[in-house]
N, C-alpha and C. Protein backbone atom coordinates (compact mmCIF):
# COMPACT_ATOMS: atom_id res chain seq x y z
N MET A 1 92.07 125.48 81.07
CA MET A 1 91.15 125.67 81.62
C MET A 1 90.51 126.29 80.64
N VAL A 2 88.75 126.39 80.62
CA VAL A 2 88.13 127.03 79.64
C VAL A 2 87.27 127.30 80.45
N ASP A 3 86.80 128.87 80.62
CA ASP A 3 85.69 129.20 81.11
C ASP A 3 85.82 128.91 82.94
N GLY A 4 86.62 128.86 83.12
CA GLY A 4 86.76 128.41 84.77
C GLY A 4 86.81 126.77 85.05
N LYS A 5 86.69 126.07 84.06
CA LYS A 5 86.22 124.85 83.98
C LYS A 5 87.46 123.99 83.60
N SER A 6 87.61 122.95 84.18
CA SER A 6 89.05 121.78 83.82
C SER A 6 88.21 121.56 82.32
N SER A 7 89.39 121.29 81.30
CA SER A 7 89.14 120.87 79.95
C SER A 7 89.49 119.12 80.17
N PHE A 8 89.79 118.81 81.28
CA PHE A 8 89.80 117.27 81.16
C PHE A 8 88.54 116.49 81.36
N ALA A 9 88.07 115.83 80.32
CA ALA A 9 86.73 115.00 80.26
C ALA A 9 87.28 113.31 80.38
N ILE A 10 86.22 112.68 81.09
CA ILE A 10 86.75 111.44 81.19
C ILE A 10 85.34 110.79 80.44
N ASP A 11 85.76 109.76 79.48
CA ASP A 11 84.36 109.10 78.71
C ASP A 11 85.01 107.46 78.97
N ILE A 12 84.07 106.69 78.60
CA ILE A 12 83.76 105.58 79.20
C ILE A 12 84.84 104.68 78.34
N ARG A 13 85.59 105.14 77.29
CA ARG A 13 86.74 104.41 76.44
C ARG A 13 87.96 104.48 77.67
N ASP A 14 88.19 105.72 77.97
CA ASP A 14 89.08 105.97 78.97
C ASP A 14 89.04 105.10 80.29
N VAL A 15 87.62 104.93 80.64
CA VAL A 15 87.51 104.25 81.74
C VAL A 15 87.53 102.65 81.39
N GLY A 16 87.26 102.03 80.13
CA GLY A 16 87.29 100.83 79.73
C GLY A 16 89.14 100.50 79.67
N LEU A 17 89.82 101.51 79.09
CA LEU A 17 91.28 101.28 78.92
C LEU A 17 91.90 100.83 80.38
N LEU A 18 91.54 102.10 81.48
CA LEU A 18 92.25 101.71 82.65
C LEU A 18 91.80 100.68 83.34
N ILE A 19 90.46 99.93 83.09
CA ILE A 19 90.15 98.76 83.61
C ILE A 19 91.16 97.73 82.98
N GLY A 20 90.82 97.61 81.58
CA GLY A 20 92.05 96.74 80.90
C GLY A 20 93.33 96.55 81.07
N ARG A 21 93.79 98.03 81.51
CA ARG A 21 95.25 98.00 82.02
C ARG A 21 95.53 97.58 83.13
N LEU A 22 94.72 97.82 83.92
CA LEU A 22 94.79 97.18 85.31
C LEU A 22 94.78 95.38 85.21
N LEU A 23 93.52 95.08 84.64
CA LEU A 23 93.66 93.54 84.71
C LEU A 23 94.72 92.88 83.78
N LEU A 24 95.37 93.77 82.68
CA LEU A 24 96.39 92.78 82.23
C LEU A 24 97.66 92.76 83.02
N ALA A 25 97.72 93.94 83.48
CA ALA A 25 98.87 94.33 84.26
C ALA A 25 98.77 93.59 85.69
N TRP A 26 97.86 93.03 86.21
CA TRP A 26 97.96 92.28 87.42
C TRP A 26 98.53 91.01 87.53
N ILE A 27 98.73 90.16 86.13
CA ILE A 27 98.99 88.78 86.14
C ILE A 27 100.59 88.90 86.13
N PHE A 28 101.05 90.06 85.39
CA PHE A 28 102.45 90.05 85.57
C PHE A 28 103.05 90.60 86.85
N LEU A 29 102.13 91.79 87.29
CA LEU A 29 102.70 92.12 88.72
C LEU A 29 102.80 90.98 89.90
N HIS A 30 101.58 90.18 89.62
CA HIS A 30 101.64 88.93 90.74
C HIS A 30 102.76 87.92 90.62
N GLU A 31 102.79 87.48 88.93
CA GLU A 31 104.01 86.60 88.79
C GLU A 31 105.25 87.05 89.24
N GLY A 32 105.60 88.16 88.83
CA GLY A 32 107.22 88.82 89.02
C GLY A 32 107.04 89.03 90.64
N ALA A 33 106.39 89.64 91.22
CA ALA A 33 106.34 89.64 92.86
C ALA A 33 106.52 87.95 93.34
N SER A 34 105.71 86.93 92.97
CA SER A 34 106.10 85.65 93.58
C SER A 34 107.18 85.11 93.11
N LEU A 35 107.67 85.48 91.92
CA LEU A 35 108.95 85.16 91.88
C LEU A 35 110.12 85.52 92.41
N ALA A 36 110.13 86.64 92.63
CA ALA A 36 110.76 87.90 93.46
C ALA A 36 111.26 87.33 95.14
N LEU A 37 110.09 87.25 95.42
CA LEU A 37 109.36 86.49 97.03
C LEU A 37 109.81 85.23 97.05
N ASN A 38 110.08 84.45 96.23
CA ASN A 38 110.59 82.94 96.27
C ASN A 38 111.48 82.56 95.25
N PHE A 39 112.69 83.42 95.57
CA PHE A 39 113.53 83.64 94.53
C PHE A 39 114.46 82.01 94.33
N SER A 40 114.68 81.53 95.55
CA SER A 40 115.56 80.41 95.44
C SER A 40 114.47 79.25 94.72
N GLY A 41 113.09 79.33 95.35
CA GLY A 41 112.35 78.17 94.07
C GLY A 41 112.59 78.52 92.61
N ALA A 42 112.31 79.79 92.42
CA ALA A 42 112.34 80.23 91.11
C ALA A 42 113.50 79.95 90.45
N VAL A 43 114.54 80.35 91.04
CA VAL A 43 116.00 79.48 90.33
C VAL A 43 116.02 78.03 90.20
N GLU A 44 115.65 77.36 90.91
CA GLU A 44 115.22 75.91 91.02
C GLU A 44 114.57 75.51 89.88
N MET A 45 113.43 76.28 89.58
CA MET A 45 112.83 75.95 88.56
C MET A 45 113.04 76.41 87.20
N ALA A 46 113.69 77.47 87.29
CA ALA A 46 114.36 78.26 86.09
C ALA A 46 115.14 77.21 85.80
N GLY A 47 116.12 76.60 86.38
CA GLY A 47 116.97 75.66 85.97
C GLY A 47 116.53 74.26 85.55
N GLN A 48 115.15 73.79 85.49
CA GLN A 48 114.66 72.76 85.41
C GLN A 48 114.46 73.44 83.49
N PHE A 49 114.16 74.24 83.50
CA PHE A 49 114.01 74.71 82.11
C PHE A 49 115.39 75.04 81.29
N GLY A 50 116.47 74.87 81.91
CA GLY A 50 117.51 75.35 81.50
C GLY A 50 117.74 76.86 81.10
N LEU A 51 116.98 77.85 82.04
CA LEU A 51 117.12 79.29 82.07
C LEU A 51 118.21 79.52 83.32
N SER A 52 119.32 80.44 82.65
CA SER A 52 120.34 80.68 83.87
C SER A 52 119.67 81.78 84.79
N VAL A 53 120.14 82.25 85.82
CA VAL A 53 119.78 82.88 86.79
C VAL A 53 119.42 84.38 86.34
N PRO A 54 120.52 85.26 85.51
CA PRO A 54 120.55 86.35 85.02
C PRO A 54 119.25 86.55 84.16
N LEU A 55 118.88 85.38 83.25
CA LEU A 55 117.66 85.54 82.60
C LEU A 55 116.63 85.59 83.33
N LEU A 56 116.51 85.05 84.64
CA LEU A 56 115.52 84.85 85.65
C LEU A 56 114.99 86.18 86.16
N VAL A 57 116.19 87.19 86.12
CA VAL A 57 116.09 88.33 87.03
C VAL A 57 115.85 89.23 85.98
N ALA A 58 116.07 89.03 84.78
CA ALA A 58 115.41 89.87 83.62
C ALA A 58 113.74 89.91 83.56
N THR A 59 113.75 88.39 83.54
CA THR A 59 112.12 88.14 83.74
C THR A 59 111.40 89.03 84.64
N ILE A 60 111.70 88.84 85.92
CA ILE A 60 111.22 89.23 87.18
C ILE A 60 111.18 91.02 86.77
N ALA A 61 112.34 91.29 86.26
CA ALA A 61 112.20 93.04 86.24
C ALA A 61 110.99 93.30 85.01
N LEU A 62 111.33 92.47 84.16
CA LEU A 62 110.18 93.00 82.84
C LEU A 62 108.97 92.77 83.58
N GLN A 63 108.70 91.72 84.36
CA GLN A 63 106.74 91.54 84.71
C GLN A 63 106.93 92.69 85.68
N ILE A 64 107.52 92.87 86.53
CA ILE A 64 107.16 94.25 87.49
C ILE A 64 107.45 95.39 86.60
N GLY A 65 108.80 95.87 86.26
CA GLY A 65 108.49 96.96 85.35
C GLY A 65 107.46 97.78 84.46
N ALA A 66 107.55 96.31 83.34
CA ALA A 66 106.21 96.73 82.43
C ALA A 66 104.92 96.52 82.99
N GLY A 67 104.67 95.76 84.03
CA GLY A 67 103.61 95.70 84.59
C GLY A 67 103.26 97.08 85.09
N LEU A 68 104.21 97.76 86.13
CA LEU A 68 103.88 99.05 86.62
C LEU A 68 103.59 99.98 85.62
N SER A 69 104.64 99.82 84.05
CA SER A 69 104.31 100.72 83.30
C SER A 69 103.02 100.91 82.89
N ILE A 70 102.30 99.73 82.52
CA ILE A 70 100.81 99.44 82.17
C ILE A 70 99.57 99.93 83.23
N ALA A 71 100.05 99.82 84.35
CA ALA A 71 98.72 99.93 85.58
C ALA A 71 99.23 101.27 85.50
N THR A 72 100.20 102.11 85.37
CA THR A 72 99.92 103.28 85.99
C THR A 72 99.90 104.42 84.59
N GLY A 73 100.12 103.81 83.21
CA GLY A 73 99.96 104.47 82.24
C GLY A 73 101.23 105.18 82.09
N VAL A 74 102.26 104.81 82.35
CA VAL A 74 103.62 105.53 82.13
C VAL A 74 104.60 104.84 81.15
N LEU A 75 104.75 105.00 80.05
CA LEU A 75 105.16 104.48 78.58
C LEU A 75 104.61 103.39 78.45
N ALA A 76 103.17 103.28 78.66
CA ALA A 76 102.63 102.00 78.80
C ALA A 76 102.74 101.40 77.03
N ARG A 77 102.81 101.93 76.25
CA ARG A 77 102.92 101.33 74.75
C ARG A 77 103.93 100.66 74.37
N ILE A 78 105.36 100.87 75.25
CA ILE A 78 106.08 100.48 75.29
C ILE A 78 105.98 99.16 76.24
N GLY A 79 105.83 99.24 77.47
CA GLY A 79 105.58 98.12 78.26
C GLY A 79 104.64 97.10 77.71
N ALA A 80 103.63 97.59 77.26
CA ALA A 80 102.55 96.67 76.26
C ALA A 80 103.44 95.71 75.45
N SER A 81 104.07 96.59 74.47
CA SER A 81 104.91 95.83 73.48
C SER A 81 105.90 94.79 73.79
N ALA A 82 106.43 95.25 74.66
CA ALA A 82 107.58 94.25 75.54
C ALA A 82 106.80 92.97 76.24
N LEU A 83 105.70 92.89 76.86
CA LEU A 83 105.16 92.06 77.24
C LEU A 83 104.10 91.13 76.31
N GLY A 84 104.06 91.94 75.31
CA GLY A 84 103.40 91.38 74.19
C GLY A 84 104.05 90.35 73.56
N LEU A 85 105.53 90.78 73.01
CA LEU A 85 106.61 89.75 72.74
C LEU A 85 107.11 88.96 73.95
N PHE A 86 106.87 89.01 75.15
CA PHE A 86 107.46 88.05 76.13
C PHE A 86 106.28 87.04 75.87
N CYS A 87 105.01 87.20 75.69
CA CYS A 87 104.22 86.66 76.07
C CYS A 87 104.09 85.48 74.47
N VAL A 88 104.52 85.81 73.57
CA VAL A 88 104.50 85.06 72.19
C VAL A 88 105.83 84.27 72.16
N ALA A 89 106.63 84.81 72.92
CA ALA A 89 107.84 84.11 73.05
C ALA A 89 107.78 83.00 74.29
N THR A 90 107.10 83.11 75.37
CA THR A 90 106.57 82.29 76.36
C THR A 90 105.63 80.83 75.67
N ALA A 91 105.05 81.32 75.04
CA ALA A 91 103.99 80.50 74.48
C ALA A 91 104.63 79.48 73.29
N THR A 92 105.72 80.13 72.61
CA THR A 92 106.20 79.26 71.60
C THR A 92 107.71 78.60 72.09
N LEU A 93 108.03 78.96 73.02
CA LEU A 93 109.30 78.27 73.56
C LEU A 93 108.70 77.28 74.89
N PHE A 94 107.75 77.59 75.35
CA PHE A 94 107.67 76.82 76.73
C PHE A 94 106.21 76.10 76.54
N HIS A 95 105.14 76.42 75.76
CA HIS A 95 104.03 75.45 75.63
C HIS A 95 103.54 75.21 74.58
N THR A 96 104.27 74.36 73.93
CA THR A 96 104.18 73.54 72.30
C THR A 96 103.82 72.17 72.45
N ASN A 97 103.50 71.33 74.00
CA ASN A 97 103.24 70.35 73.78
C ASN A 97 101.78 70.43 73.42
N PHE A 98 101.13 69.89 72.52
CA PHE A 98 99.87 70.37 72.08
C PHE A 98 98.69 68.91 72.58
N ALA A 99 99.48 67.80 72.87
CA ALA A 99 99.10 66.60 73.18
C ALA A 99 98.35 66.71 74.67
N ASP A 100 99.17 67.52 75.27
CA ASP A 100 98.77 67.85 76.76
C ASP A 100 97.82 69.11 76.58
N GLN A 101 96.26 68.78 77.22
CA GLN A 101 95.63 69.57 77.36
C GLN A 101 95.77 71.38 77.72
N ASN A 102 96.60 70.88 79.19
CA ASN A 102 97.38 72.03 79.78
C ASN A 102 97.97 72.95 79.32
N GLU A 103 99.27 72.49 78.49
CA GLU A 103 100.31 73.07 77.88
C GLU A 103 99.20 74.14 76.47
N LEU A 104 98.22 73.30 75.74
CA LEU A 104 97.53 73.89 74.87
C LEU A 104 96.83 75.03 75.62
N LEU A 105 96.19 74.80 76.67
CA LEU A 105 95.64 76.10 77.54
C LEU A 105 96.56 77.14 77.48
N HIS A 106 97.62 77.08 78.21
CA HIS A 106 98.73 77.93 78.38
C HIS A 106 99.11 78.85 77.29
N PHE A 107 99.18 77.78 76.28
CA PHE A 107 99.94 78.38 74.51
C PHE A 107 98.70 79.61 74.40
N GLU A 108 97.55 79.25 74.37
CA GLU A 108 96.37 79.98 74.11
C GLU A 108 96.01 80.85 74.80
N LYS A 109 96.34 81.00 75.92
CA LYS A 109 96.41 82.15 77.05
C LYS A 109 97.30 83.30 76.66
N ASP A 110 98.81 82.65 76.36
CA ASP A 110 99.78 83.38 76.34
C ASP A 110 99.32 84.34 74.95
N LEU A 111 98.87 83.72 74.01
CA LEU A 111 98.77 84.23 72.79
C LEU A 111 97.62 85.33 73.16
N ALA A 112 96.73 85.04 73.48
CA ALA A 112 95.44 85.68 74.14
C ALA A 112 95.83 87.15 74.61
N ILE A 113 96.90 86.77 75.79
CA ILE A 113 97.20 88.34 76.58
C ILE A 113 98.12 89.04 75.66
N ALA A 114 98.88 88.23 74.78
CA ALA A 114 99.83 89.03 73.90
C ALA A 114 99.00 89.82 73.04
N GLY A 115 97.92 89.47 72.51
CA GLY A 115 97.08 90.06 71.58
C GLY A 115 96.32 91.31 72.10
N GLY A 116 96.06 91.20 73.58
CA GLY A 116 95.56 92.39 74.48
C GLY A 116 96.47 93.41 74.58
N MET A 117 97.89 93.26 74.83
CA MET A 117 98.94 94.01 75.00
C MET A 117 99.39 94.77 73.46
N PHE A 118 99.17 93.75 72.45
CA PHE A 118 99.39 94.62 71.09
C PHE A 118 98.32 95.65 70.99
N VAL A 119 97.14 95.23 71.16
CA VAL A 119 95.75 96.28 71.13
C VAL A 119 96.21 97.64 72.26
N LEU A 120 96.64 97.26 73.38
CA LEU A 120 96.93 98.30 74.28
C LEU A 120 98.17 99.28 73.54
N ALA A 121 99.09 98.62 72.85
CA ALA A 121 100.11 99.19 72.58
C ALA A 121 99.31 100.27 71.23
N ALA A 122 98.62 99.83 70.67
CA ALA A 122 98.25 100.70 69.57
C ALA A 122 96.99 101.75 69.93
N ALA A 123 96.13 101.20 70.86
CA ALA A 123 95.61 101.96 71.52
C ALA A 123 95.84 103.58 72.50
N GLY A 124 97.24 103.02 72.79
CA GLY A 124 97.85 103.71 74.00
C GLY A 124 97.03 103.57 75.47
N ALA A 125 97.40 104.18 76.25
CA ALA A 125 96.79 104.19 77.99
C ALA A 125 95.40 104.81 77.84
N GLY A 126 95.32 106.07 77.40
CA GLY A 126 94.04 106.69 77.64
C GLY A 126 93.97 107.53 78.34
N ALA A 127 93.09 108.57 78.55
CA ALA A 127 93.38 109.77 79.43
C ALA A 127 93.52 109.38 81.07
N LEU A 128 93.11 108.47 81.66
CA LEU A 128 93.54 108.04 82.77
C LEU A 128 94.67 107.33 83.18
N SER A 129 95.80 108.03 82.80
CA SER A 129 97.25 107.69 82.63
C SER A 129 98.11 108.77 83.37
N ILE A 130 98.94 108.33 83.92
CA ILE A 130 100.19 109.34 83.87
C ILE A 130 100.86 109.87 83.06
N ASP A 131 100.86 109.47 82.12
CA ASP A 131 101.58 109.98 80.80
C ASP A 131 100.54 110.97 80.45
N SER A 132 99.04 110.81 80.05
CA SER A 132 98.16 112.14 80.01
C SER A 132 98.28 112.85 80.94
N TRP A 133 98.54 112.82 82.18
CA TRP A 133 98.21 113.66 83.19
C TRP A 133 99.50 114.55 82.99
N LEU A 134 100.72 113.86 82.57
CA LEU A 134 101.99 114.83 82.22
C LEU A 134 101.70 115.84 81.07
N ARG A 135 101.02 115.08 80.02
CA ARG A 135 100.75 115.78 79.09
C ARG A 135 100.11 117.13 79.22
N THR A 136 98.91 116.77 79.59
CA THR A 136 98.00 118.27 79.97
C THR A 136 98.67 119.07 81.06
N ARG A 137 99.60 118.83 82.16
CA ARG A 137 100.06 119.75 82.76
C ARG A 137 101.54 120.52 81.96
N LYS A 138 101.98 119.90 80.81
CA LYS A 138 102.91 121.01 80.22
C LYS A 138 102.03 121.87 79.29
N GLN A 139 100.75 121.62 79.12
CA GLN A 139 100.18 122.62 78.20
C GLN A 139 99.76 123.96 78.71
């Protein structure tokens, strides 16, 4: 507090970071929840790609855990880095049949999302995050 007023100020950068975090997190929260809620179907689909059930469970946990991390701004740099690497891996392992326009589109989208995640990891979550709130409480 300075002169009886809160020193917490919100600027357009922080609003932009919040909106960006929520938009980036949404796809992972949605996909992770969809996989978890239709687990038997997800196991069948994963089997078609030669993926094990433990790897599927880890993928669901990553999508939901890191998605929540980014949305709330709790350890967002770590969550964003993990999902950025996940997107690069997904693009290079599953979307390399460039003769198929749909696969090329998924490849490009995965890399674009990874880019957004790495920018978020570099910039941090901003003032409108739980981490920022916790930091200001310690002061």
